[in-house]
Amino acid sequence: MAAAISVEQLSKTYSEGILFRKHHKALQNVSLDVRNGEVFGLLGPNGAGKTTLIKILLGILHPSKGKATVLDMEAGSKAARRKIGYLPENLIFPRHHTGRSALYFYGRLSELNDSQIAKREREVFDMVDLTGREHEPVRRYSKGMRQRLGLAQALLHDPELLIMDEPTDGLDPMGRSQIRDLLARLKERGKTVFLNSHILQEVELICDRVAIMALGQLRGQGPIDELIRQNPLAQQGAVILEVQCPEGIAMTTQALGDEAASIVLLSETERVYRVELSLPDQLSLDRLIDRLRNQQISILAVERFRPSLEQVFMSFVGSVPPHLR
């Protein structure tokens, strides 16, 4: 599949001072690709280089070395910028604007004429659930409403690529659900979404693939399920069983042998226990279940432990100093 964003060995170094110049490496040989039509998440702690990378893709900054292309055009070129919709993290609207006049202002910045703006504005207000509020002053908007208006301006010129910095920031659970649904609809229409977010649970629900950065370096990249499977926590073969044993904890412990890492009583009256254990493969699990059944112990539930994206994220950035997380 063709790449909507291609970054090859990208580096960016900032220099400070006149006589005694100090150098800070914000990006160090970063390479990643974002495929057309996917939702891609950029993750990393504070100081990871995410904002620097986004600014290079938008043409706000120039790399010290390496190459970045957007939609097969040089990153930062005017032709590339025309095809990008951008939602910054803290988009501030002038207080005198209404929702509609703000959208008109940003539409003109995107080189749309009056008729093009009029044709698109109703659609995007519907998409972000602001229909009926477009004539209200922006100063009366809640933070969530301003965030949705920011998303509307990013969508107004119908871009091929959306670059979004914390798109669900300030939204309540209903608002976050609406944004997830909107991104899914945009994906169905062939749009590409490149987003940066600290809400890892949202990323796990939205994104097809992610890249994890720390201290200016790329630490991991790929589909979320693949990164989770490769995580050491997932490879330990952890399994959680819920069992019922009328004979009590002694019989349960005897039947499990040394394989149980922990046993927790869930119901004293029904003698139900939650068991955590580590098994090397499926055959070992099958044999354990057979042994439990032979001991008249009922298997109520079997669940393989699956690390969360947050746990995977921390395994990649765990060496980052705490003040930079």
C-alpha atoms as a PDB file:
ATOM      1  CA  MET A   1       0.000   0.000   0.000  1.00  0.00           C
ATOM      2  CA  ALA A   2       1.345   3.462  -0.904  1.00  0.00           C
ATOM      3  CA  ALA A   3       2.573   5.744   1.878  1.00  0.00           C
ATOM      4  CA  ALA A   4       0.692   8.918   2.772  1.00  0.00           C
ATOM      5  CA  ILE A   5       3.659   9.927   4.947  1.00  0.00           C
ATOM      6  CA  SER A   6       7.199   8.668   4.466  1.00  0.00           C
ATOM      7  CA  VAL A   7       9.997   9.648   6.859  1.00  0.00           C
ATOM      8  CA  GLU A   8      13.544   8.440   6.198  1.00  0.00           C
ATOM      9  CA  GLN A   9      16.432   8.877   8.638  1.00  0.00           C
ATOM     10  CA  LEU A  10      15.027  12.202   9.820  1.00  0.00           C
ATOM     11  CA  SER A  11      17.063  14.216  12.314  1.00  0.00           C
ATOM     12  CA  LYS A  12      16.596  17.646  13.829  1.00  0.00           C
ATOM     13  CA  THR A  13      19.140  19.435  16.021  1.00  0.00           C
ATOM     14  CA  TYR A  14      18.447  22.725  17.781  1.00  0.00           C
ATOM     15  CA  SER A  15      21.346  25.061  18.565  1.00  0.00           C
ATOM     16  CA  GLU A  16      21.319  27.612  21.382  1.00  0.00           C
ATOM     17  CA  GLY A  17      23.715  30.340  22.451  1.00  0.00           C
ATOM     18  CA  ILE A  18      26.229  32.520  20.595  1.00  0.00           C
ATOM     19  CA  LEU A  19      29.690  32.018  22.088  1.00  0.00           C
ATOM     20  CA  PHE A  20      29.094  28.676  23.759  1.00  0.00           C
ATOM     21  CA  ARG A  21      26.598  26.948  21.531  1.00  0.00           C
ATOM     22  CA  LYS A  22      24.607  24.066  22.940  1.00  0.00           C
ATOM     23  CA  HIS A  23      23.020  21.443  20.738  1.00  0.00           C
ATOM     24  CA  HIS A  24      19.850  19.499  21.446  1.00  0.00           C
ATOM     25  CA  LYS A  25      18.938  16.497  19.295  1.00  0.00           C
ATOM     26  CA  ALA A  26      15.144  16.587  19.026  1.00  0.00           C
ATOM     27  CA  LEU A  27      15.010  13.819  16.387  1.00  0.00           C
ATOM     28  CA  GLN A  28      17.609  11.152  15.735  1.00  0.00           C
ATOM     29  CA  ASN A  29      17.411   9.111  12.524  1.00  0.00           C
ATOM     30  CA  VAL A  30      13.660   8.554  12.668  1.00  0.00           C
ATOM     31  CA  SER A  31      12.123   6.433   9.913  1.00  0.00           C
ATOM     32  CA  LEU A  32       8.437   5.601   9.675  1.00  0.00           C
ATOM     33  CA  ASP A  33       5.649   5.296   7.147  1.00  0.00           C
ATOM     34  CA  VAL A  34       1.934   5.987   7.282  1.00  0.00           C
ATOM     35  CA  ARG A  35      -0.124   4.130   4.702  1.00  0.00           C
ATOM     36  CA  ASN A  36      -2.922   5.667   2.701  1.00  0.00           C
ATOM     37  CA  GLY A  37      -6.317   5.155   4.307  1.00  0.00           C
ATOM     38  CA  GLU A  38      -5.186   4.177   7.797  1.00  0.00           C
ATOM     39  CA  VAL A  39      -5.433   5.767  11.230  1.00  0.00           C
ATOM     40  CA  PHE A  40      -1.910   6.043  12.616  1.00  0.00           C
ATOM     41  CA  GLY A  41      -0.989   7.014  16.171  1.00  0.00           C
ATOM     42  CA  LEU A  42       2.194   8.794  17.246  1.00  0.00           C
ATOM     43  CA  LEU A  43       2.966   8.083  20.905  1.00  0.00           C
ATOM     44  CA  GLY A  44       5.651   9.225  23.280  1.00  0.00           C
ATOM     45  CA  PRO A  45       6.315  11.043  26.570  1.00  0.00           C
ATOM     46  CA  ASN A  46       7.021  14.758  26.803  1.00  0.00           C
ATOM     47  CA  GLY A  47      10.272  15.589  25.029  1.00  0.00           C
ATOM     48  CA  ALA A  48      10.045  12.587  22.718  1.00  0.00           C
ATOM     49  CA  GLY A  49      10.148  14.695  19.540  1.00  0.00           C
ATOM     50  CA  LYS A  50       6.543  14.234  18.439  1.00  0.00           C
ATOM     51  CA  THR A  51       5.821  17.945  18.010  1.00  0.00           C
ATOM     52  CA  THR A  52       9.080  18.475  16.121  1.00  0.00           C
ATOM     53  CA  LEU A  53       8.153  15.670  13.723  1.00  0.00           C
ATOM     54  CA  ILE A  54       4.689  17.120  13.121  1.00  0.00           C
ATOM     55  CA  LYS A  55       6.138  20.580  12.487  1.00  0.00           C
ATOM     56  CA  ILE A  56       8.509  19.145   9.885  1.00  0.00           C
ATOM     57  CA  LEU A  57       5.628  17.367   8.141  1.00  0.00           C
ATOM     58  CA  LEU A  58       3.735  20.677   8.041  1.00  0.00           C
ATOM     59  CA  GLY A  59       6.750  22.675   6.840  1.00  0.00           C
ATOM     60  CA  ILE A  60       6.992  24.791  10.002  1.00  0.00           C
ATOM     61  CA  LEU A  61      10.478  23.378  10.644  1.00  0.00           C
ATOM     62  CA  HIS A  62      13.148  22.017   8.317  1.00  0.00           C
ATOM     63  CA  PRO A  63      15.075  18.852   9.192  1.00  0.00           C
ATOM     64  CA  SER A  64      18.803  18.898   9.870  1.00  0.00           C
ATOM     65  CA  LYS A  65      19.127  15.792   7.740  1.00  0.00           C
ATOM     66  CA  GLY A  66      16.969  13.070   6.281  1.00  0.00           C
ATOM     67  CA  LYS A  67      13.872  13.219   4.129  1.00  0.00           C
ATOM     68  CA  ALA A  68      10.111  13.478   4.664  1.00  0.00           C
ATOM     69  CA  THR A  69       7.392  13.275   2.025  1.00  0.00           C
ATOM     70  CA  VAL A  70       3.641  13.788   2.363  1.00  0.00           C
ATOM     71  CA  LEU A  71       1.321  12.324  -0.294  1.00  0.00           C
ATOM     72  CA  ASP A  72       4.375  11.800  -2.539  1.00  0.00           C
ATOM     73  CA  MET A  73       5.311  15.494  -2.262  1.00  0.00           C
ATOM     74  CA  GLU A  74       8.059  17.166  -0.298  1.00  0.00           C
ATOM     75  CA  ALA A  75       6.929  17.804   3.271  1.00  0.00           C
ATOM     76  CA  GLY A  76       6.192  21.475   3.770  1.00  0.00           C
ATOM     77  CA  SER A  77       5.628  22.247   0.108  1.00  0.00           C
ATOM     78  CA  LYS A  78       2.621  24.398  -0.717  1.00  0.00           C
ATOM     79  CA  ALA A  79       1.105  21.604  -2.807  1.00  0.00           C
ATOM     80  CA  ALA A  80       1.370  19.184   0.126  1.00  0.00           C
ATOM     81  CA  ARG A  81      -0.069  21.647   2.638  1.00  0.00           C
ATOM     82  CA  ARG A  82      -3.164  22.133   0.473  1.00  0.00           C
ATOM     83  CA  LYS A  83      -4.021  18.463   0.981  1.00  0.00           C
ATOM     84  CA  ILE A  84      -3.547  18.462   4.777  1.00  0.00           C
ATOM     85  CA  GLY A  85      -6.087  19.302   7.460  1.00  0.00           C
ATOM     86  CA  TYR A  86      -4.397  20.205  10.753  1.00  0.00           C
ATOM     87  CA  LEU A  87      -5.863  20.286  14.248  1.00  0.00           C
ATOM     88  CA  PRO A  88      -3.325  21.708  16.743  1.00  0.00           C
ATOM     89  CA  GLU A  89      -3.499  20.790  20.408  1.00  0.00           C
ATOM     90  CA  ASN A  90      -4.607  24.189  21.656  1.00  0.00           C
ATOM     91  CA  LEU A  91      -6.311  26.011  18.811  1.00  0.00           C
ATOM     92  CA  ILE A  92      -7.352  29.464  20.039  1.00  0.00           C
ATOM     93  CA  PHE A  93     -10.208  31.220  18.250  1.00  0.00           C
ATOM     94  CA  PRO A  94     -10.536  35.030  18.387  1.00  0.00           C
ATOM     95  CA  ARG A  95     -13.326  35.797  20.863  1.00  0.00           C
ATOM     96  CA  HIS A  96     -15.312  37.974  18.473  1.00  0.00           C
ATOM     97  CA  HIS A  97     -16.014  35.042  16.122  1.00  0.00           C
ATOM     98  CA  THR A  98     -19.102  32.912  15.987  1.00  0.00           C
ATOM     99  CA  GLY A  99     -18.694  29.289  15.030  1.00  0.00           C
ATOM    100  CA  ARG A 100     -19.705  30.101  11.464  1.00  0.00           C
ATOM    101  CA  SER A 101     -17.493  33.171  11.044  1.00  0.00           C
ATOM    102  CA  ALA A 102     -14.521  31.253  12.489  1.00  0.00           C
ATOM    103  CA  LEU A 103     -15.096  28.495   9.962  1.00  0.00           C
ATOM    104  CA  TYR A 104     -15.287  31.108   7.177  1.00  0.00           C
ATOM    105  CA  PHE A 105     -12.006  32.634   8.358  1.00  0.00           C
ATOM    106  CA  TYR A 106     -10.182  29.304   8.267  1.00  0.00           C
ATOM    107  CA  GLY A 107     -11.818  28.406   4.974  1.00  0.00           C
ATOM    108  CA  ARG A 108     -10.367  31.530   3.385  1.00  0.00           C
ATOM    109  CA  LEU A 109      -6.956  30.635   4.820  1.00  0.00           C
ATOM    110  CA  SER A 110      -7.354  27.301   3.016  1.00  0.00           C
ATOM    111  CA  GLU A 111      -7.962  29.242  -0.231  1.00  0.00           C
ATOM    112  CA  LEU A 112     -11.631  28.294  -0.482  1.00  0.00           C
ATOM    113  CA  ASN A 113     -14.020  30.803  -2.051  1.00  0.00           C
ATOM    114  CA  ASP A 114     -17.357  31.825  -0.553  1.00  0.00           C
ATOM    115  CA  SER A 115     -19.411  29.300  -2.504  1.00  0.00           C
ATOM    116  CA  GLN A 116     -17.077  26.434  -1.585  1.00  0.00           C
ATOM    117  CA  ILE A 117     -17.257  27.364   2.104  1.00  0.00           C
ATOM    118  CA  ALA A 118     -21.058  27.649   1.978  1.00  0.00           C
ATOM    119  CA  LYS A 119     -21.263  24.236   0.321  1.00  0.00           C
ATOM    120  CA  ARG A 120     -19.076  22.521   2.926  1.00  0.00           C
ATOM    121  CA  GLU A 121     -19.902  24.284   6.184  1.00  0.00           C
ATOM    122  CA  ARG A 122     -23.243  22.598   6.875  1.00  0.00           C
ATOM    123  CA  GLU A 123     -21.743  19.169   6.248  1.00  0.00           C
ATOM    124  CA  VAL A 124     -18.807  19.691   8.604  1.00  0.00           C
ATOM    125  CA  PHE A 125     -20.985  21.234  11.335  1.00  0.00           C
ATOM    126  CA  ASP A 126     -23.109  18.079  11.127  1.00  0.00           C
ATOM    127  CA  MET A 127     -20.022  15.872  11.201  1.00  0.00           C
ATOM    128  CA  VAL A 128     -18.755  17.408  14.452  1.00  0.00           C
ATOM    129  CA  ASP A 129     -22.210  17.726  16.052  1.00  0.00           C
ATOM    130  CA  LEU A 130     -22.316  21.550  16.170  1.00  0.00           C
ATOM    131  CA  THR A 131     -25.413  22.046  14.032  1.00  0.00           C
ATOM    132  CA  GLY A 132     -27.613  24.653  15.697  1.00  0.00           C
ATOM    133  CA  ARG A 133     -24.667  26.192  17.563  1.00  0.00           C
ATOM    134  CA  GLU A 134     -22.894  27.733  14.574  1.00  0.00           C
ATOM    135  CA  HIS A 135     -24.235  31.275  15.213  1.00  0.00           C
ATOM    136  CA  GLU A 136     -23.198  31.349  18.876  1.00  0.00           C
ATOM    137  CA  PRO A 137     -20.089  33.330  19.895  1.00  0.00           C
ATOM    138  CA  VAL A 138     -17.051  31.089  20.260  1.00  0.00           C
ATOM    139  CA  ARG A 139     -16.385  32.632  23.696  1.00  0.00           C
ATOM    140  CA  ARG A 140     -19.496  30.823  24.955  1.00  0.00           C
ATOM    141  CA  TYR A 141     -18.319  27.467  23.645  1.00  0.00           C
ATOM    142  CA  SER A 142     -17.169  24.845  26.118  1.00  0.00           C
ATOM    143  CA  LYS A 143     -13.692  23.383  25.694  1.00  0.00           C
ATOM    144  CA  GLY A 144     -15.191  20.340  24.017  1.00  0.00           C
ATOM    145  CA  MET A 145     -17.186  22.494  21.582  1.00  0.00           C
ATOM    146  CA  ARG A 146     -14.061  24.483  20.689  1.00  0.00           C
ATOM    147  CA  GLN A 147     -12.251  21.207  20.059  1.00  0.00           C
ATOM    148  CA  ARG A 148     -15.014  20.074  17.706  1.00  0.00           C
ATOM    149  CA  LEU A 149     -14.929  23.450  15.933  1.00  0.00           C
ATOM    150  CA  GLY A 150     -11.188  22.977  15.494  1.00  0.00           C
ATOM    151  CA  LEU A 151     -11.869  19.625  13.914  1.00  0.00           C
ATOM    152  CA  ALA A 152     -14.456  21.250  11.632  1.00  0.00           C
ATOM    153  CA  GLN A 153     -11.909  23.764  10.313  1.00  0.00           C
ATOM    154  CA  ALA A 154      -9.447  20.920   9.660  1.00  0.00           C
ATOM    155  CA  LEU A 155     -12.094  19.085   7.612  1.00  0.00           C
ATOM    156  CA  LEU A 156     -13.515  22.084   5.756  1.00  0.00           C
ATOM    157  CA  HIS A 157     -11.355  21.868   2.615  1.00  0.00           C
ATOM    158  CA  ASP A 158     -11.856  18.070   2.407  1.00  0.00           C
ATOM    159  CA  PRO A 159      -8.169  17.156   2.867  1.00  0.00           C
ATOM    160  CA  GLU A 160      -6.666  13.793   1.943  1.00  0.00           C
ATOM    161  CA  LEU A 161      -4.598  13.707   5.133  1.00  0.00           C
ATOM    162  CA  LEU A 162      -5.588  14.805   8.648  1.00  0.00           C
ATOM    163  CA  ILE A 163      -2.852  15.588  11.167  1.00  0.00           C
ATOM    164  CA  MET A 164      -4.377  15.859  14.625  1.00  0.00           C
ATOM    165  CA  ASP A 165      -2.710  16.764  17.921  1.00  0.00           C
ATOM    166  CA  GLU A 166      -4.739  15.413  20.870  1.00  0.00           C
ATOM    167  CA  PRO A 167      -8.068  15.285  18.944  1.00  0.00           C
ATOM    168  CA  THR A 168     -10.138  14.089  21.933  1.00  0.00           C
ATOM    169  CA  ASP A 169      -8.651  16.535  24.455  1.00  0.00           C
ATOM    170  CA  GLY A 170     -11.361  18.197  26.544  1.00  0.00           C
ATOM    171  CA  LEU A 171     -14.164  15.909  25.341  1.00  0.00           C
ATOM    172  CA  ASP A 172     -16.431  13.914  27.627  1.00  0.00           C
ATOM    173  CA  PRO A 173     -16.906  10.152  26.994  1.00  0.00           C
ATOM    174  CA  MET A 174     -19.803  10.842  24.600  1.00  0.00           C
ATOM    175  CA  GLY A 175     -17.720  13.368  22.687  1.00  0.00           C
ATOM    176  CA  ARG A 176     -14.765  10.976  22.445  1.00  0.00           C
ATOM    177  CA  SER A 177     -17.084   8.272  21.131  1.00  0.00           C
ATOM    178  CA  GLN A 178     -18.388  10.678  18.470  1.00  0.00           C
ATOM    179  CA  ILE A 179     -14.838  11.532  17.382  1.00  0.00           C
ATOM    180  CA  ARG A 180     -13.989   7.826  17.118  1.00  0.00           C
ATOM    181  CA  ASP A 181     -17.055   7.274  14.946  1.00  0.00           C
ATOM    182  CA  LEU A 182     -16.106  10.275  12.788  1.00  0.00           C
ATOM    183  CA  LEU A 183     -12.565   8.996  12.282  1.00  0.00           C
ATOM    184  CA  ALA A 184     -13.963   5.593  11.316  1.00  0.00           C
ATOM    185  CA  ARG A 185     -16.199   7.251   8.705  1.00  0.00           C
ATOM    186  CA  LEU A 186     -13.274   9.274   7.355  1.00  0.00           C
ATOM    187  CA  LYS A 187     -11.251   6.081   7.046  1.00  0.00           C
ATOM    188  CA  GLU A 188     -14.102   4.441   5.125  1.00  0.00           C
ATOM    189  CA  ARG A 189     -13.935   7.378   2.690  1.00  0.00           C
ATOM    190  CA  GLY A 190     -10.233   6.710   2.114  1.00  0.00           C
ATOM    191  CA  LYS A 191      -8.887   9.528   4.289  1.00  0.00           C
ATOM    192  CA  THR A 192      -5.619   9.106   6.188  1.00  0.00           C
ATOM    193  CA  VAL A 193      -5.414  10.191   9.830  1.00  0.00           C
ATOM    194  CA  PHE A 194      -2.138  10.847  11.649  1.00  0.00           C
ATOM    195  CA  LEU A 195      -2.755  11.636  15.300  1.00  0.00           C
ATOM    196  CA  ASN A 196      -0.808  12.296  18.449  1.00  0.00           C
ATOM    197  CA  SER A 197      -2.507  11.457  21.733  1.00  0.00           C
ATOM    198  CA  HIS A 198      -1.678  10.792  25.379  1.00  0.00           C
ATOM    199  CA  ILE A 199      -4.951   8.904  25.922  1.00  0.00           C
ATOM    200  CA  LEU A 200      -3.673   5.420  25.142  1.00  0.00           C
ATOM    201  CA  GLN A 201      -7.053   3.771  25.608  1.00  0.00           C
ATOM    202  CA  GLU A 202      -8.398   5.983  22.809  1.00  0.00           C
ATOM    203  CA  VAL A 203      -5.433   5.164  20.584  1.00  0.00           C
ATOM    204  CA  GLU A 204      -6.016   1.448  21.099  1.00  0.00           C
ATOM    205  CA  LEU A 205      -9.641   1.845  19.978  1.00  0.00           C
ATOM    206  CA  ILE A 206      -8.940   4.124  17.008  1.00  0.00           C
ATOM    207  CA  CYS A 207      -5.573   3.332  15.437  1.00  0.00           C
ATOM    208  CA  ASP A 208      -4.538   0.647  12.975  1.00  0.00           C
ATOM    209  CA  ARG A 209      -0.836   1.131  13.655  1.00  0.00           C
ATOM    210  CA  VAL A 210       1.296   3.212  16.014  1.00  0.00           C
ATOM    211  CA  ALA A 211       4.838   4.502  16.373  1.00  0.00           C
ATOM    212  CA  ILE A 212       6.368   4.921  19.829  1.00  0.00           C
ATOM    213  CA  MET A 213       9.054   7.549  20.331  1.00  0.00           C
ATOM    214  CA  ALA A 214      11.303   8.497  23.237  1.00  0.00           C
ATOM    215  CA  LEU A 215      14.137  11.026  23.449  1.00  0.00           C
ATOM    216  CA  GLY A 216      13.962  11.738  19.728  1.00  0.00           C
ATOM    217  CA  GLN A 217      14.289   8.099  18.710  1.00  0.00           C
ATOM    218  CA  LEU A 218      11.806   5.631  17.295  1.00  0.00           C
ATOM    219  CA  ARG A 219      11.429   2.769  19.794  1.00  0.00           C
ATOM    220  CA  GLY A 220       8.729   0.716  18.081  1.00  0.00           C
ATOM    221  CA  GLN A 221       6.352   0.743  15.141  1.00  0.00           C
ATOM    222  CA  GLY A 222       3.618  -1.527  13.823  1.00  0.00           C
ATOM    223  CA  PRO A 223       0.059  -2.802  14.323  1.00  0.00           C
ATOM    224  CA  ILE A 224      -1.031  -2.578  17.955  1.00  0.00           C
ATOM    225  CA  ASP A 225      -1.824  -6.307  18.216  1.00  0.00           C
ATOM    226  CA  GLU A 226       1.625  -7.165  16.858  1.00  0.00           C
ATOM    227  CA  LEU A 227       3.411  -4.881  19.314  1.00  0.00           C
ATOM    228  CA  ILE A 228       1.378  -6.419  22.143  1.00  0.00           C
ATOM    229  CA  ARG A 229       2.183  -9.991  21.027  1.00  0.00           C
ATOM    230  CA  GLN A 230       5.896  -9.152  20.900  1.00  0.00           C
ATOM    231  CA  ASN A 231       5.836  -7.680  24.391  1.00  0.00           C
ATOM    232  CA  PRO A 232       7.657  -9.799  27.013  1.00  0.00           C
ATOM    233  CA  LEU A 233       4.561  -9.747  29.254  1.00  0.00           C
ATOM    234  CA  ALA A 234       2.531 -11.453  26.509  1.00  0.00           C
ATOM    235  CA  GLN A 235       5.259 -14.008  25.857  1.00  0.00           C
ATOM    236  CA  GLN A 236       5.329 -15.245  29.437  1.00  0.00           C
ATOM    237  CA  GLY A 237       2.275 -17.416  28.760  1.00  0.00           C
ATOM    238  CA  ALA A 238       0.192 -15.891  31.548  1.00  0.00           C
ATOM    239  CA  VAL A 239      -3.280 -17.416  31.879  1.00  0.00           C
ATOM    240  CA  ILE A 240      -6.146 -16.522  34.221  1.00  0.00           C
ATOM    241  CA  LEU A 241      -8.627 -19.219  35.274  1.00  0.00           C
ATOM    242  CA  GLU A 242     -11.852 -18.904  37.222  1.00  0.00           C
ATOM    243  CA  VAL A 243     -12.577 -22.233  38.893  1.00  0.00           C
ATOM    244  CA  GLN A 244     -15.122 -23.692  41.303  1.00  0.00           C
ATOM    245  CA  CYS A 245     -14.003 -26.354  43.798  1.00  0.00           C
ATOM    246  CA  PRO A 246     -16.485 -27.648  46.398  1.00  0.00           C
ATOM    247  CA  GLU A 247     -13.567 -29.068  48.431  1.00  0.00           C
ATOM    248  CA  GLY A 248     -12.097 -25.626  48.987  1.00  0.00           C
ATOM    249  CA  ILE A 249      -8.708 -23.961  48.652  1.00  0.00           C
ATOM    250  CA  ALA A 250      -6.638 -26.972  49.749  1.00  0.00           C
ATOM    251  CA  MET A 251      -7.908 -29.197  46.932  1.00  0.00           C
ATOM    252  CA  THR A 252      -7.549 -26.335  44.407  1.00  0.00           C
ATOM    253  CA  THR A 253      -3.943 -25.712  45.445  1.00  0.00           C
ATOM    254  CA  GLN A 254      -3.130 -29.418  45.295  1.00  0.00           C
ATOM    255  CA  ALA A 255      -4.633 -29.805  41.824  1.00  0.00           C
ATOM    256  CA  LEU A 256      -2.788 -26.775  40.446  1.00  0.00           C
ATOM    257  CA  GLY A 257       0.554 -27.791  41.874  1.00  0.00           C
ATOM    258  CA  ASP A 258       3.466 -25.385  41.407  1.00  0.00           C
ATOM    259  CA  GLU A 259       2.032 -23.770  38.278  1.00  0.00           C
ATOM    260  CA  ALA A 260      -0.215 -21.278  40.105  1.00  0.00           C
ATOM    261  CA  ALA A 261       1.272 -17.843  40.670  1.00  0.00           C
ATOM    262  CA  SER A 262      -1.647 -16.680  42.807  1.00  0.00           C
ATOM    263  CA  ILE A 263      -5.073 -17.880  43.973  1.00  0.00           C
ATOM    264  CA  VAL A 264      -7.746 -15.381  45.021  1.00  0.00           C
ATOM    265  CA  LEU A 265     -11.076 -16.284  46.626  1.00  0.00           C
ATOM    266  CA  LEU A 266     -13.964 -14.693  44.699  1.00  0.00           C
ATOM    267  CA  SER A 267     -16.926 -16.322  46.450  1.00  0.00           C
ATOM    268  CA  GLU A 268     -16.663 -18.135  49.767  1.00  0.00           C
ATOM    269  CA  THR A 269     -20.181 -19.607  49.639  1.00  0.00           C
ATOM    270  CA  GLU A 270     -19.732 -21.014  46.118  1.00  0.00           C
ATOM    271  CA  ARG A 271     -16.003 -21.769  46.520  1.00  0.00           C
ATOM    272  CA  VAL A 272     -15.015 -19.839  43.371  1.00  0.00           C
ATOM    273  CA  TYR A 273     -11.366 -18.859  42.887  1.00  0.00           C
ATOM    274  CA  ARG A 274      -9.394 -16.714  40.473  1.00  0.00           C
ATOM    275  CA  VAL A 275      -6.110 -18.355  39.544  1.00  0.00           C
ATOM    276  CA  GLU A 276      -3.165 -16.714  37.783  1.00  0.00           C
ATOM    277  CA  LEU A 277      -0.513 -18.995  36.322  1.00  0.00           C
ATOM    278  CA  SER A 278       2.201 -19.128  33.671  1.00  0.00           C
ATOM    279  CA  LEU A 279       2.165 -21.866  31.040  1.00  0.00           C
ATOM    280  CA  PRO A 280       4.582 -22.302  28.116  1.00  0.00           C
ATOM    281  CA  ASP A 281       2.061 -23.413  25.480  1.00  0.00           C
ATOM    282  CA  GLN A 282      -1.503 -24.509  24.683  1.00  0.00           C
ATOM    283  CA  LEU A 283      -0.720 -28.181  25.334  1.00  0.00           C
ATOM    284  CA  SER A 284       0.256 -27.380  28.914  1.00  0.00           C
ATOM    285  CA  LEU A 285      -3.020 -25.513  29.388  1.00  0.00           C
ATOM    286  CA  ASP A 286      -5.011 -28.447  27.953  1.00  0.00           C
ATOM    287  CA  ARG A 287      -3.295 -30.862  30.340  1.00  0.00           C
ATOM    288  CA  LEU A 288      -3.955 -28.603  33.321  1.00  0.00           C
ATOM    289  CA  ILE A 289      -7.655 -28.310  32.461  1.00  0.00           C
ATOM    290  CA  ASP A 290      -7.909 -32.115  32.144  1.00  0.00           C
ATOM    291  CA  ARG A 291      -6.250 -32.499  35.541  1.00  0.00           C
ATOM    292  CA  LEU A 292      -8.625 -30.044  37.176  1.00  0.00           C
ATOM    293  CA  ARG A 293     -11.663 -31.761  35.697  1.00  0.00           C
ATOM    294  CA  ASN A 294     -10.423 -35.133  36.932  1.00  0.00           C
ATOM    295  CA  GLN A 295     -10.327 -33.575  40.418  1.00  0.00           C
ATOM    296  CA  GLN A 296     -13.993 -32.489  40.016  1.00  0.00           C
ATOM    297  CA  ILE A 297     -12.966 -28.826  39.752  1.00  0.00           C
ATOM    298  CA  SER A 298     -15.191 -26.851  37.375  1.00  0.00           C
ATOM    299  CA  ILE A 299     -13.617 -24.423  34.873  1.00  0.00           C
ATOM    300  CA  LEU A 300     -15.835 -21.327  34.791  1.00  0.00           C
ATOM    301  CA  ALA A 301     -13.609 -19.105  32.614  1.00  0.00           C
ATOM    302  CA  VAL A 302     -10.262 -19.163  30.824  1.00  0.00           C
ATOM    303  CA  GLU A 303      -8.524 -15.965  29.771  1.00  0.00           C
ATOM    304  CA  ARG A 304      -5.070 -15.401  28.319  1.00  0.00           C
ATOM    305  CA  PHE A 305      -3.361 -12.339  29.702  1.00  0.00           C
ATOM    306  CA  ARG A 306      -3.087  -9.560  27.106  1.00  0.00           C
ATOM    307  CA  PRO A 307      -0.943  -6.543  28.001  1.00  0.00           C
ATOM    308  CA  SER A 308      -2.582  -3.167  27.497  1.00  0.00           C
ATOM    309  CA  LEU A 309      -1.165  -0.621  25.088  1.00  0.00           C
ATOM    310  CA  GLU A 310      -0.139   1.386  28.154  1.00  0.00           C
ATOM    311  CA  GLN A 311       1.973  -1.512  29.433  1.00  0.00           C
ATOM    312  CA  VAL A 312       3.559  -1.937  25.986  1.00  0.00           C
ATOM    313  CA  PHE A 313       4.188   1.813  25.830  1.00  0.00           C
ATOM    314  CA  MET A 314       5.927   1.800  29.224  1.00  0.00           C
ATOM    315  CA  SER A 315       8.123  -1.131  28.193  1.00  0.00           C
ATOM    316  CA  PHE A 316       9.412   0.958  25.267  1.00  0.00           C
ATOM    317  CA  VAL A 317       9.931   4.212  27.188  1.00  0.00           C
ATOM    318  CA  GLY A 318      10.668   2.850  30.652  1.00  0.00           C
ATOM    319  CA  SER A 319      14.275   4.055  30.484  1.00  0.00           C
ATOM    320  CA  VAL A 320      13.210   7.668  29.925  1.00  0.00           C
ATOM    321  CA  PRO A 321      13.992   9.911  32.941  1.00  0.00           C
ATOM    322  CA  PRO A 322      10.828  10.600  34.997  1.00  0.00           C
ATOM    323  CA  HIS A 323      10.975  14.397  34.446  1.00  0.00           C
ATOM    324  CA  LEU A 324      10.622  13.828  30.686  1.00  0.00           C
ATOM    325  CA  ARG A 325       7.611  11.508  30.855  1.00  0.00           C
END
